[in-house]
Every structure is written in C-alpha cells, then in structure tokens.
C-alpha atoms as a PDB file:
ATOM      1  CA  UNK A   1     113.932 -40.644  -2.960  1.00  0.00           C
ATOM      2  CA  UNK A   2     113.566 -39.568   0.159  1.00  0.00           C
ATOM      3  CA  UNK A   3     113.743 -36.258  -0.757  1.00  0.00           C
ATOM      4  CA  UNK A   4     110.709 -36.794  -3.567  1.00  0.00           C
ATOM      5  CA  UNK A   5     109.039 -39.090  -1.048  1.00  0.00           C
ATOM      6  CA  UNK A   6     107.998 -36.520   1.454  1.00  0.00           C
ATOM      7  CA  UNK A   7     107.020 -34.183  -1.593  1.00  0.00           C
ATOM      8  CA  UNK A   8     104.796 -36.937  -2.939  1.00  0.00           C
ATOM      9  CA  UNK A   9     103.556 -37.320   0.494  1.00  0.00           C
ATOM     10  CA  UNK A  10     102.652 -34.190   1.307  1.00  0.00           C
ATOM     11  CA  UNK A  11     100.965 -33.407  -2.088  1.00  0.00           C
ATOM     12  CA  UNK A  12      99.108 -36.371  -1.696  1.00  0.00           C
ATOM     13  CA  UNK A  13      98.328 -35.739   1.839  1.00  0.00           C
ATOM     14  CA  UNK A  14      97.526 -32.301   0.965  1.00  0.00           C
ATOM     15  CA  UNK A  15      95.284 -33.498  -2.167  1.00  0.00           C
ATOM     16  CA  UNK A  16      93.406 -36.253   0.022  1.00  0.00           C
ATOM     17  CA  UNK A  17      92.670 -33.152   2.616  1.00  0.00           C
ATOM     18  CA  UNK A  18      91.408 -30.952   0.219  1.00  0.00           C
ATOM     19  CA  UNK A  19      89.639 -33.883  -1.516  1.00  0.00           C
ATOM     20  CA  UNK A  20      87.956 -34.638   2.260  1.00  0.00           C
ATOM     21  CA  UNK A  21      87.519 -31.040   2.709  1.00  0.00           C
ATOM     22  CA  UNK A  22      85.727 -30.771  -0.871  1.00  0.00           C
ATOM     23  CA  UNK A  23      83.815 -33.871  -0.077  1.00  0.00           C
ATOM     24  CA  UNK A  24      82.759 -32.214   3.461  1.00  0.00           C
ATOM     25  CA  UNK A  25      81.854 -29.007   2.079  1.00  0.00           C
ATOM     26  CA  UNK A  26      80.052 -30.902  -0.643  1.00  0.00           C
ATOM     27  CA  UNK A  27      78.177 -32.884   1.931  1.00  0.00           C
ATOM     28  CA  UNK A  28      77.627 -30.055   3.976  1.00  0.00           C
ATOM     29  CA  UNK A  29      76.016 -28.192   0.811  1.00  0.00           C
ATOM     30  CA  UNK A  30      74.116 -30.924  -0.107  1.00  0.00           C
ATOM     31  CA  UNK A  31      72.968 -30.945   3.578  1.00  0.00           C
ATOM     32  CA  UNK A  32      72.311 -27.628   3.581  1.00  0.00           C
ATOM     33  CA  UNK A  33      70.632 -27.590   0.576  1.00  0.00           C
ATOM     34  CA  UNK A  34      68.283 -30.851   1.510  1.00  0.00           C
ATOM     35  CA  UNK A  35      67.698 -29.155   4.903  1.00  0.00           C
ATOM     36  CA  UNK A  36      66.764 -25.764   3.114  1.00  0.00           C
ATOM     37  CA  UNK A  37      64.448 -27.320   0.654  1.00  0.00           C
ATOM     38  CA  UNK A  38      63.024 -29.452   3.356  1.00  0.00           C
ATOM     39  CA  UNK A  39      62.698 -26.334   5.770  1.00  0.00           C
ATOM     40  CA  UNK A  40      61.328 -24.636   2.790  1.00  0.00           C
ATOM     41  CA  UNK A  41      59.020 -27.450   1.855  1.00  0.00           C
ATOM     42  CA  UNK A  42      57.859 -27.751   5.635  1.00  0.00           C
ATOM     43  CA  UNK A  43      57.355 -23.753   5.631  1.00  0.00           C
ATOM     44  CA  UNK A  44      55.206 -24.295   2.346  1.00  0.00           C
ATOM     45  CA  UNK A  45      53.493 -27.314   3.840  1.00  0.00           C
ATOM     46  CA  UNK A  46      52.607 -25.232   7.217  1.00  0.00           C
ATOM     47  CA  UNK A  47      51.749 -22.090   5.077  1.00  0.00           C
ATOM     48  CA  UNK A  48      48.988 -24.282   2.986  1.00  0.00           C
ATOM     49  CA  UNK A  49      47.602 -25.982   6.260  1.00  0.00           C
ATOM     50  CA  UNK A  50      47.483 -22.061   7.811  1.00  0.00           C
ATOM     51  CA  UNK A  51      45.543 -21.001   4.781  1.00  0.00           C
ATOM     52  CA  UNK A  52      43.601 -24.277   4.801  1.00  0.00           C
ATOM     53  CA  UNK A  53      42.676 -23.829   8.471  1.00  0.00           C
ATOM     54  CA  UNK A  54      41.795 -19.964   7.596  1.00  0.00           C
ATOM     55  CA  UNK A  55      39.798 -20.988   4.580  1.00  0.00           C
ATOM     56  CA  UNK A  56      37.949 -23.793   6.516  1.00  0.00           C
ATOM     57  CA  UNK A  57      37.402 -21.512   9.762  1.00  0.00           C
ATOM     58  CA  UNK A  58      36.006 -18.705   7.165  1.00  0.00           C
ATOM     59  CA  UNK A  59      33.825 -21.267   5.370  1.00  0.00           C
ATOM     60  CA  UNK A  60      32.367 -21.964   8.962  1.00  0.00           C
ATOM     61  CA  UNK A  61      32.192 -18.575   9.957  1.00  0.00           C
ATOM     62  CA  UNK A  62      30.366 -18.237   6.693  1.00  0.00           C
ATOM     63  CA  UNK A  63      27.937 -20.981   7.522  1.00  0.00           C
ATOM     64  CA  UNK A  64      27.048 -19.983  10.806  1.00  0.00           C
ATOM     65  CA  UNK A  65      26.373 -16.433   9.484  1.00  0.00           C
ATOM     66  CA  UNK A  66      24.136 -17.947   6.555  1.00  0.00           C
ATOM     67  CA  UNK A  67      22.564 -20.282   9.424  1.00  0.00           C
ATOM     68  CA  UNK A  68      22.008 -16.938  11.360  1.00  0.00           C
ATOM     69  CA  UNK A  69      20.619 -15.149   8.230  1.00  0.00           C
ATOM     70  CA  UNK A  70      18.311 -18.076   7.497  1.00  0.00           C
ATOM     71  CA  UNK A  71      17.052 -18.013  11.236  1.00  0.00           C
ATOM     72  CA  UNK A  72      16.408 -14.494  10.981  1.00  0.00           C
ATOM     73  CA  UNK A  73      15.043 -14.717   7.546  1.00  0.00           C
ATOM     74  CA  UNK A  74      12.641 -17.621   9.108  1.00  0.00           C
ATOM     75  CA  UNK A  75      11.726 -15.881  12.123  1.00  0.00           C
ATOM     76  CA  UNK A  76      10.834 -12.611   9.987  1.00  0.00           C
ATOM     77  CA  UNK A  77       8.775 -15.076   7.891  1.00  0.00           C
ATOM     78  CA  UNK A  78       6.826 -16.333  10.950  1.00  0.00           C
ATOM     79  CA  UNK A  79       6.084 -13.055  12.661  1.00  0.00           C
ATOM     80  CA  UNK A  80       4.891 -11.588   9.065  1.00  0.00           C
ATOM     81  CA  UNK A  81       2.730 -14.928   9.088  1.00  0.00           C
ATOM     82  CA  UNK A  82       1.356 -14.247  12.502  1.00  0.00           C
ATOM     83  CA  UNK A  83       1.041 -10.350  11.713  1.00  0.00           C
ATOM     84  CA  UNK A  84      -0.913 -11.708   8.338  1.00  0.00           C
ATOM     85  CA  UNK A  85      -2.936 -14.251  10.389  1.00  0.00           C
ATOM     86  CA  UNK A  86      -3.822 -11.265  13.071  1.00  0.00           C
ATOM     87  CA  UNK A  87      -4.921  -8.936  10.720  1.00  0.00           C
ATOM     88  CA  UNK A  88      -6.819 -11.715   8.754  1.00  0.00           C
ATOM     89  CA  UNK A  89      -8.279 -12.529  12.182  1.00  0.00           C
ATOM     90  CA  UNK A  90      -9.064  -8.488  12.891  1.00  0.00           C
ATOM     91  CA  UNK A  91     -10.574  -7.867   9.288  1.00  0.00           C
ATOM     92  CA  UNK A  92     -12.884 -11.124   9.778  1.00  0.00           C
ATOM     93  CA  UNK A  93     -14.057  -9.903  13.354  1.00  0.00           C
ATOM     94  CA  UNK A  94     -14.831  -6.350  11.650  1.00  0.00           C
ATOM     95  CA  UNK A  95     -16.660  -8.033   8.834  1.00  0.00           C
ATOM     96  CA  UNK A  96     -18.714  -9.880  11.260  1.00  0.00           C
ATOM     97  CA  UNK A  97     -19.227  -6.915  13.622  1.00  0.00           C
ATOM     98  CA  UNK A  98     -20.507  -4.908  10.521  1.00  0.00           C
ATOM     99  CA  UNK A  99     -22.625  -7.733   9.431  1.00  0.00           C
ATOM    100  CA  UNK A 100     -24.164  -7.587  12.749  1.00  0.00           C
ATOM    101  CA  UNK A 101     -24.531  -4.033  12.989  1.00  0.00           C
ATOM    102  CA  UNK A 102     -26.178  -4.133   9.608  1.00  0.00           C
ATOM    103  CA  UNK A 103     -28.610  -6.868  10.789  1.00  0.00           C
ATOM    104  CA  UNK A 104     -29.168  -4.753  13.988  1.00  0.00           C
ATOM    105  CA  UNK A 105     -30.138  -1.891  11.856  1.00  0.00           C
ATOM    106  CA  UNK A 106     -32.361  -3.366   9.497  1.00  0.00           C
ATOM    107  CA  UNK A 107     -33.850  -4.850  12.578  1.00  0.00           C
ATOM    108  CA  UNK A 108     -34.275  -1.357  14.043  1.00  0.00           C
ATOM    109  CA  UNK A 109     -35.448  -0.400  10.798  1.00  0.00           C
ATOM    110  CA  UNK A 110     -38.223  -2.841  10.619  1.00  0.00           C
ATOM    111  CA  UNK A 111     -39.170  -2.523  14.155  1.00  0.00           C
ATOM    112  CA  UNK A 112     -39.837   1.416  13.369  1.00  0.00           C
ATOM    113  CA  UNK A 113     -41.802   0.290  10.533  1.00  0.00           C
ATOM    114  CA  UNK A 114     -43.854  -2.002  12.622  1.00  0.00           C
ATOM    115  CA  UNK A 115     -44.360   0.398  15.057  1.00  0.00           C
ATOM    116  CA  UNK A 116     -45.360   3.260  12.932  1.00  0.00           C
ATOM    117  CA  UNK A 117     -47.802   0.674  11.147  1.00  0.00           C
ATOM    118  CA  UNK A 118     -49.115  -0.156  14.364  1.00  0.00           C
ATOM    119  CA  UNK A 119     -49.324   3.290  15.768  1.00  0.00           C
ATOM    120  CA  UNK A 120     -51.009   4.365  12.349  1.00  0.00           C
ATOM    121  CA  UNK A 121     -53.614   1.415  12.692  1.00  0.00           C
ATOM    122  CA  UNK A 122     -54.072   2.392  16.492  1.00  0.00           C
ATOM    123  CA  UNK A 123     -54.506   6.148  15.519  1.00  0.00           C
ATOM    124  CA  UNK A 124     -57.322   4.675  12.472  1.00  0.00           C
ATOM    125  CA  UNK A 125     -58.870   2.238  15.187  1.00  0.00           C
ATOM    126  CA  UNK A 126     -58.820   5.576  17.707  1.00  0.00           C
ATOM    127  CA  UNK A 127     -60.544   7.773  15.042  1.00  0.00           C
ATOM    128  CA  UNK A 128     -62.861   4.929  13.635  1.00  0.00           C
ATOM    129  CA  UNK A 129     -64.025   4.609  17.223  1.00  0.00           C
ATOM    130  CA  UNK A 130     -64.404   8.516  18.004  1.00  0.00           C
ATOM    131  CA  UNK A 131     -66.353   8.832  14.358  1.00  0.00           C
ATOM    132  CA  UNK A 132     -68.632   5.820  15.416  1.00  0.00           C
ATOM    133  CA  UNK A 133     -69.189   7.621  18.752  1.00  0.00           C
ATOM    134  CA  UNK A 134     -70.030  11.081  17.549  1.00  0.00           C
ATOM    135  CA  UNK A 135     -72.432   9.214  14.971  1.00  0.00           C
ATOM    136  CA  UNK A 136     -73.879   7.269  17.728  1.00  0.00           C
ATOM    137  CA  UNK A 137     -74.033   9.997  20.049  1.00  0.00           C
ATOM    138  CA  UNK A 138     -75.683  12.684  17.119  1.00  0.00           C
ATOM    139  CA  UNK A 139     -78.405   9.682  16.322  1.00  0.00           C
ATOM    140  CA  UNK A 140     -79.009   9.785  20.048  1.00  0.00           C
ATOM    141  CA  UNK A 141     -79.225  13.073  20.055  1.00  0.00           C
ATOM    142  CA  UNK A 142     -81.556  13.392  16.794  1.00  0.00           C
ATOM    143  CA  UNK A 143     -83.596  10.580  18.361  1.00  0.00           C
ATOM    144  CA  UNK A 144     -84.002  12.461  21.553  1.00  0.00           C
ATOM    145  CA  UNK A 145     -84.754  15.782  19.526  1.00  0.00           C
ATOM    146  CA  UNK A 146     -87.476  13.857  17.709  1.00  0.00           C
ATOM    147  CA  UNK A 147     -88.906  12.167  20.520  1.00  0.00           C
ATOM    148  CA  UNK A 148     -88.950  15.355  22.699  1.00  0.00           C
ATOM    149  CA  UNK A 149     -90.949  17.128  19.416  1.00  0.00           C
ATOM    150  CA  UNK A 150     -93.237  14.597  19.177  1.00  0.00           C
ATOM    151  CA  UNK A 151     -94.043  14.266  22.800  1.00  0.00           C
ATOM    152  CA  UNK A 152     -94.291  18.210  23.025  1.00  0.00           C
ATOM    153  CA  UNK A 153     -96.297  18.512  19.825  1.00  0.00           C
ATOM    154  CA  UNK A 154     -98.482  15.491  21.236  1.00  0.00           C
ATOM    155  CA  UNK A 155     -98.830  17.691  24.703  1.00  0.00           C
ATOM    156  CA  UNK A 156     -99.852  20.600  22.839  1.00  0.00           C
ATOM    157  CA  UNK A 157    -101.591  19.279  20.685  1.00  0.00           C
ATOM    158  CA  UNK A 158    -100.290  20.723  17.688  1.00  0.00           C
ATOM    159  CA  UNK A 159     -99.526  17.807  15.644  1.00  0.00           C
ATOM    160  CA  UNK A 160    -101.522  17.414  12.520  1.00  0.00           C
ATOM    161  CA  UNK A 161    -100.372  13.816  11.933  1.00  0.00           C
ATOM    162  CA  UNK A 162    -102.920  11.444  12.611  1.00  0.00           C
ATOM    163  CA  UNK A 163    -102.520   9.055  15.591  1.00  0.00           C
ATOM    164  CA  UNK A 164    -101.533   6.328  13.288  1.00  0.00           C
ATOM    165  CA  UNK A 165     -98.774   8.043  11.817  1.00  0.00           C
ATOM    166  CA  UNK A 166     -97.634   9.193  15.629  1.00  0.00           C
ATOM    167  CA  UNK A 167     -97.138   5.705  16.647  1.00  0.00           C
ATOM    168  CA  UNK A 168     -95.025   4.594  13.568  1.00  0.00           C
ATOM    169  CA  UNK A 169     -93.105   7.693  14.300  1.00  0.00           C
ATOM    170  CA  UNK A 170     -92.813   6.513  18.059  1.00  0.00           C
ATOM    171  CA  UNK A 171     -91.591   2.889  16.960  1.00  0.00           C
ATOM    172  CA  UNK A 172     -89.319   4.282  14.342  1.00  0.00           C
ATOM    173  CA  UNK A 173     -87.897   5.809  17.886  1.00  0.00           C
ATOM    174  CA  UNK A 174     -87.621   2.390  19.338  1.00  0.00           C
ATOM    175  CA  UNK A 175     -84.080   2.034  17.647  1.00  0.00           C
ATOM    176  CA  UNK A 176     -82.496   0.390  20.891  1.00  0.00           C
ATOM    177  CA  UNK A 177     -84.644  -2.880  20.130  1.00  0.00           C
ATOM    178  CA  UNK A 178     -82.504  -2.915  17.307  1.00  0.00           C
ATOM    179  CA  UNK A 179     -79.989  -5.950  16.898  1.00  0.00           C
ATOM    180  CA  UNK A 180     -76.226  -5.350  17.832  1.00  0.00           C
ATOM    181  CA  UNK A 181     -73.875  -4.894  20.845  1.00  0.00           C
ATOM    182  CA  UNK A 182     -73.058  -1.243  20.580  1.00  0.00           C
ATOM    183  CA  UNK A 183     -75.060   1.841  20.022  1.00  0.00           C
ATOM    184  CA  UNK A 184     -73.162   2.185  16.907  1.00  0.00           C
ATOM    185  CA  UNK A 185     -74.167  -1.194  15.585  1.00  0.00           C
ATOM    186  CA  UNK A 186     -78.102  -0.450  16.350  1.00  0.00           C
ATOM    187  CA  UNK A 187     -78.060   2.601  14.533  1.00  0.00           C
ATOM    188  CA  UNK A 188     -76.373   1.089  11.391  1.00  0.00           C
ATOM    189  CA  UNK A 189     -78.920  -2.199  11.786  1.00  0.00           C
ATOM    190  CA  UNK A 190     -81.766   0.920  11.867  1.00  0.00           C
ATOM    191  CA  UNK A 191     -80.502   2.447   8.730  1.00  0.00           C
ATOM    192  CA  UNK A 192     -80.000  -0.775   6.910  1.00  0.00           C
ATOM    193  CA  UNK A 193     -83.709  -1.528   7.471  1.00  0.00           C
ATOM    194  CA  UNK A 194     -82.965  -4.555   9.738  1.00  0.00           C
ATOM    195  CA  UNK A 195     -85.236  -3.097  12.743  1.00  0.00           C
END
C-alpha cells in the first residue's frame, strides 16, 4: 500500500496542481478577456467621446461661421440700405434742383416777355410822342405860314378878301386859345371844333 499511495498521492497532487493551474489559466483568461473587453469598451467610449467632441466643435464652428455670415449679410444689407437712401436723397435733391431751374427759367422767360412788352410800349409811346410833336410842329408851321402870308397880303394889299374874312382867318389862327395842356391837344381841339 505504501507503494500505491505515493503514486496515488502524486497523481492526485499533480491533478490538483493541474486543476489549479487550469483554474488559474482560466481565471487569467477570463480576467484578460474581461480586461480586454473593458479596455476595448473604454477605447470605444473614448473614441465616441472624441467623435462627439469633434462633432460639437464642428457644430460650434459652423454656428460661428453662420453667425459671422449673418453679420456680414446684415452689414451688406445695412450698407445697401444706406447707399439706396443716399441715392434716393441725391435723386430728390437733383429733382428739387431741376424744379428750381425750371422755375428760374420760366421766371426769366416771363421777365424777358415783360421786358420786351415794356420796351415795345415804351417805343410805341415814344413814337406816339414824336408823331404828336411832328404834327404839332407841322400845324404850328402851317399856322405860322398862313399868318405870315395873311399879314404879308394885308401889308401889300393884294388880299382880295374882305376885311371881315380877314378877321375870321386871324381868329382861326389863334389856336393857342384852344383847350388843352399841350400843343398836340390844342391842335386836336381845333380840328374837333372845340375852339
């Protein structure tokens, strides 16, 4: 029995040691598998977190770009509005200037028309005055010529008129006694028979 006992004991001992070794290898394998899975899960989580962070950073960058683009568009719109407002004010000022120029041109034309009419009236009045003076001087010359002829005829005794006719003729020559302030009015009064 003693011979069999150590052999049994050694097989049992080796079996136990093999079982312990297998259990230890299995435990190490399980730990390795669990650790590797945990490591892989951690790596996946880190990778997912990095992807999420990158997406958040990209979205934040896109939001900043969109905001900057919106600001640029707003500034462009403001500048366009100011330019359009300035253009509108400029067009309005030009319209007012054109209207003022039109009024000035119309006023100048009206003034020229009034000046021309005034000058025409002045020329007509001057012509009427010269005509009146000429008629008056002509009538004065005629009266002076008749008076001179009558006085010459009386002096020479060649007048065949009677003395009564000569008195009427001399009364006719007294046109300065006719009503009127100017010679022209007196001559006209004489022709109209008012004196």
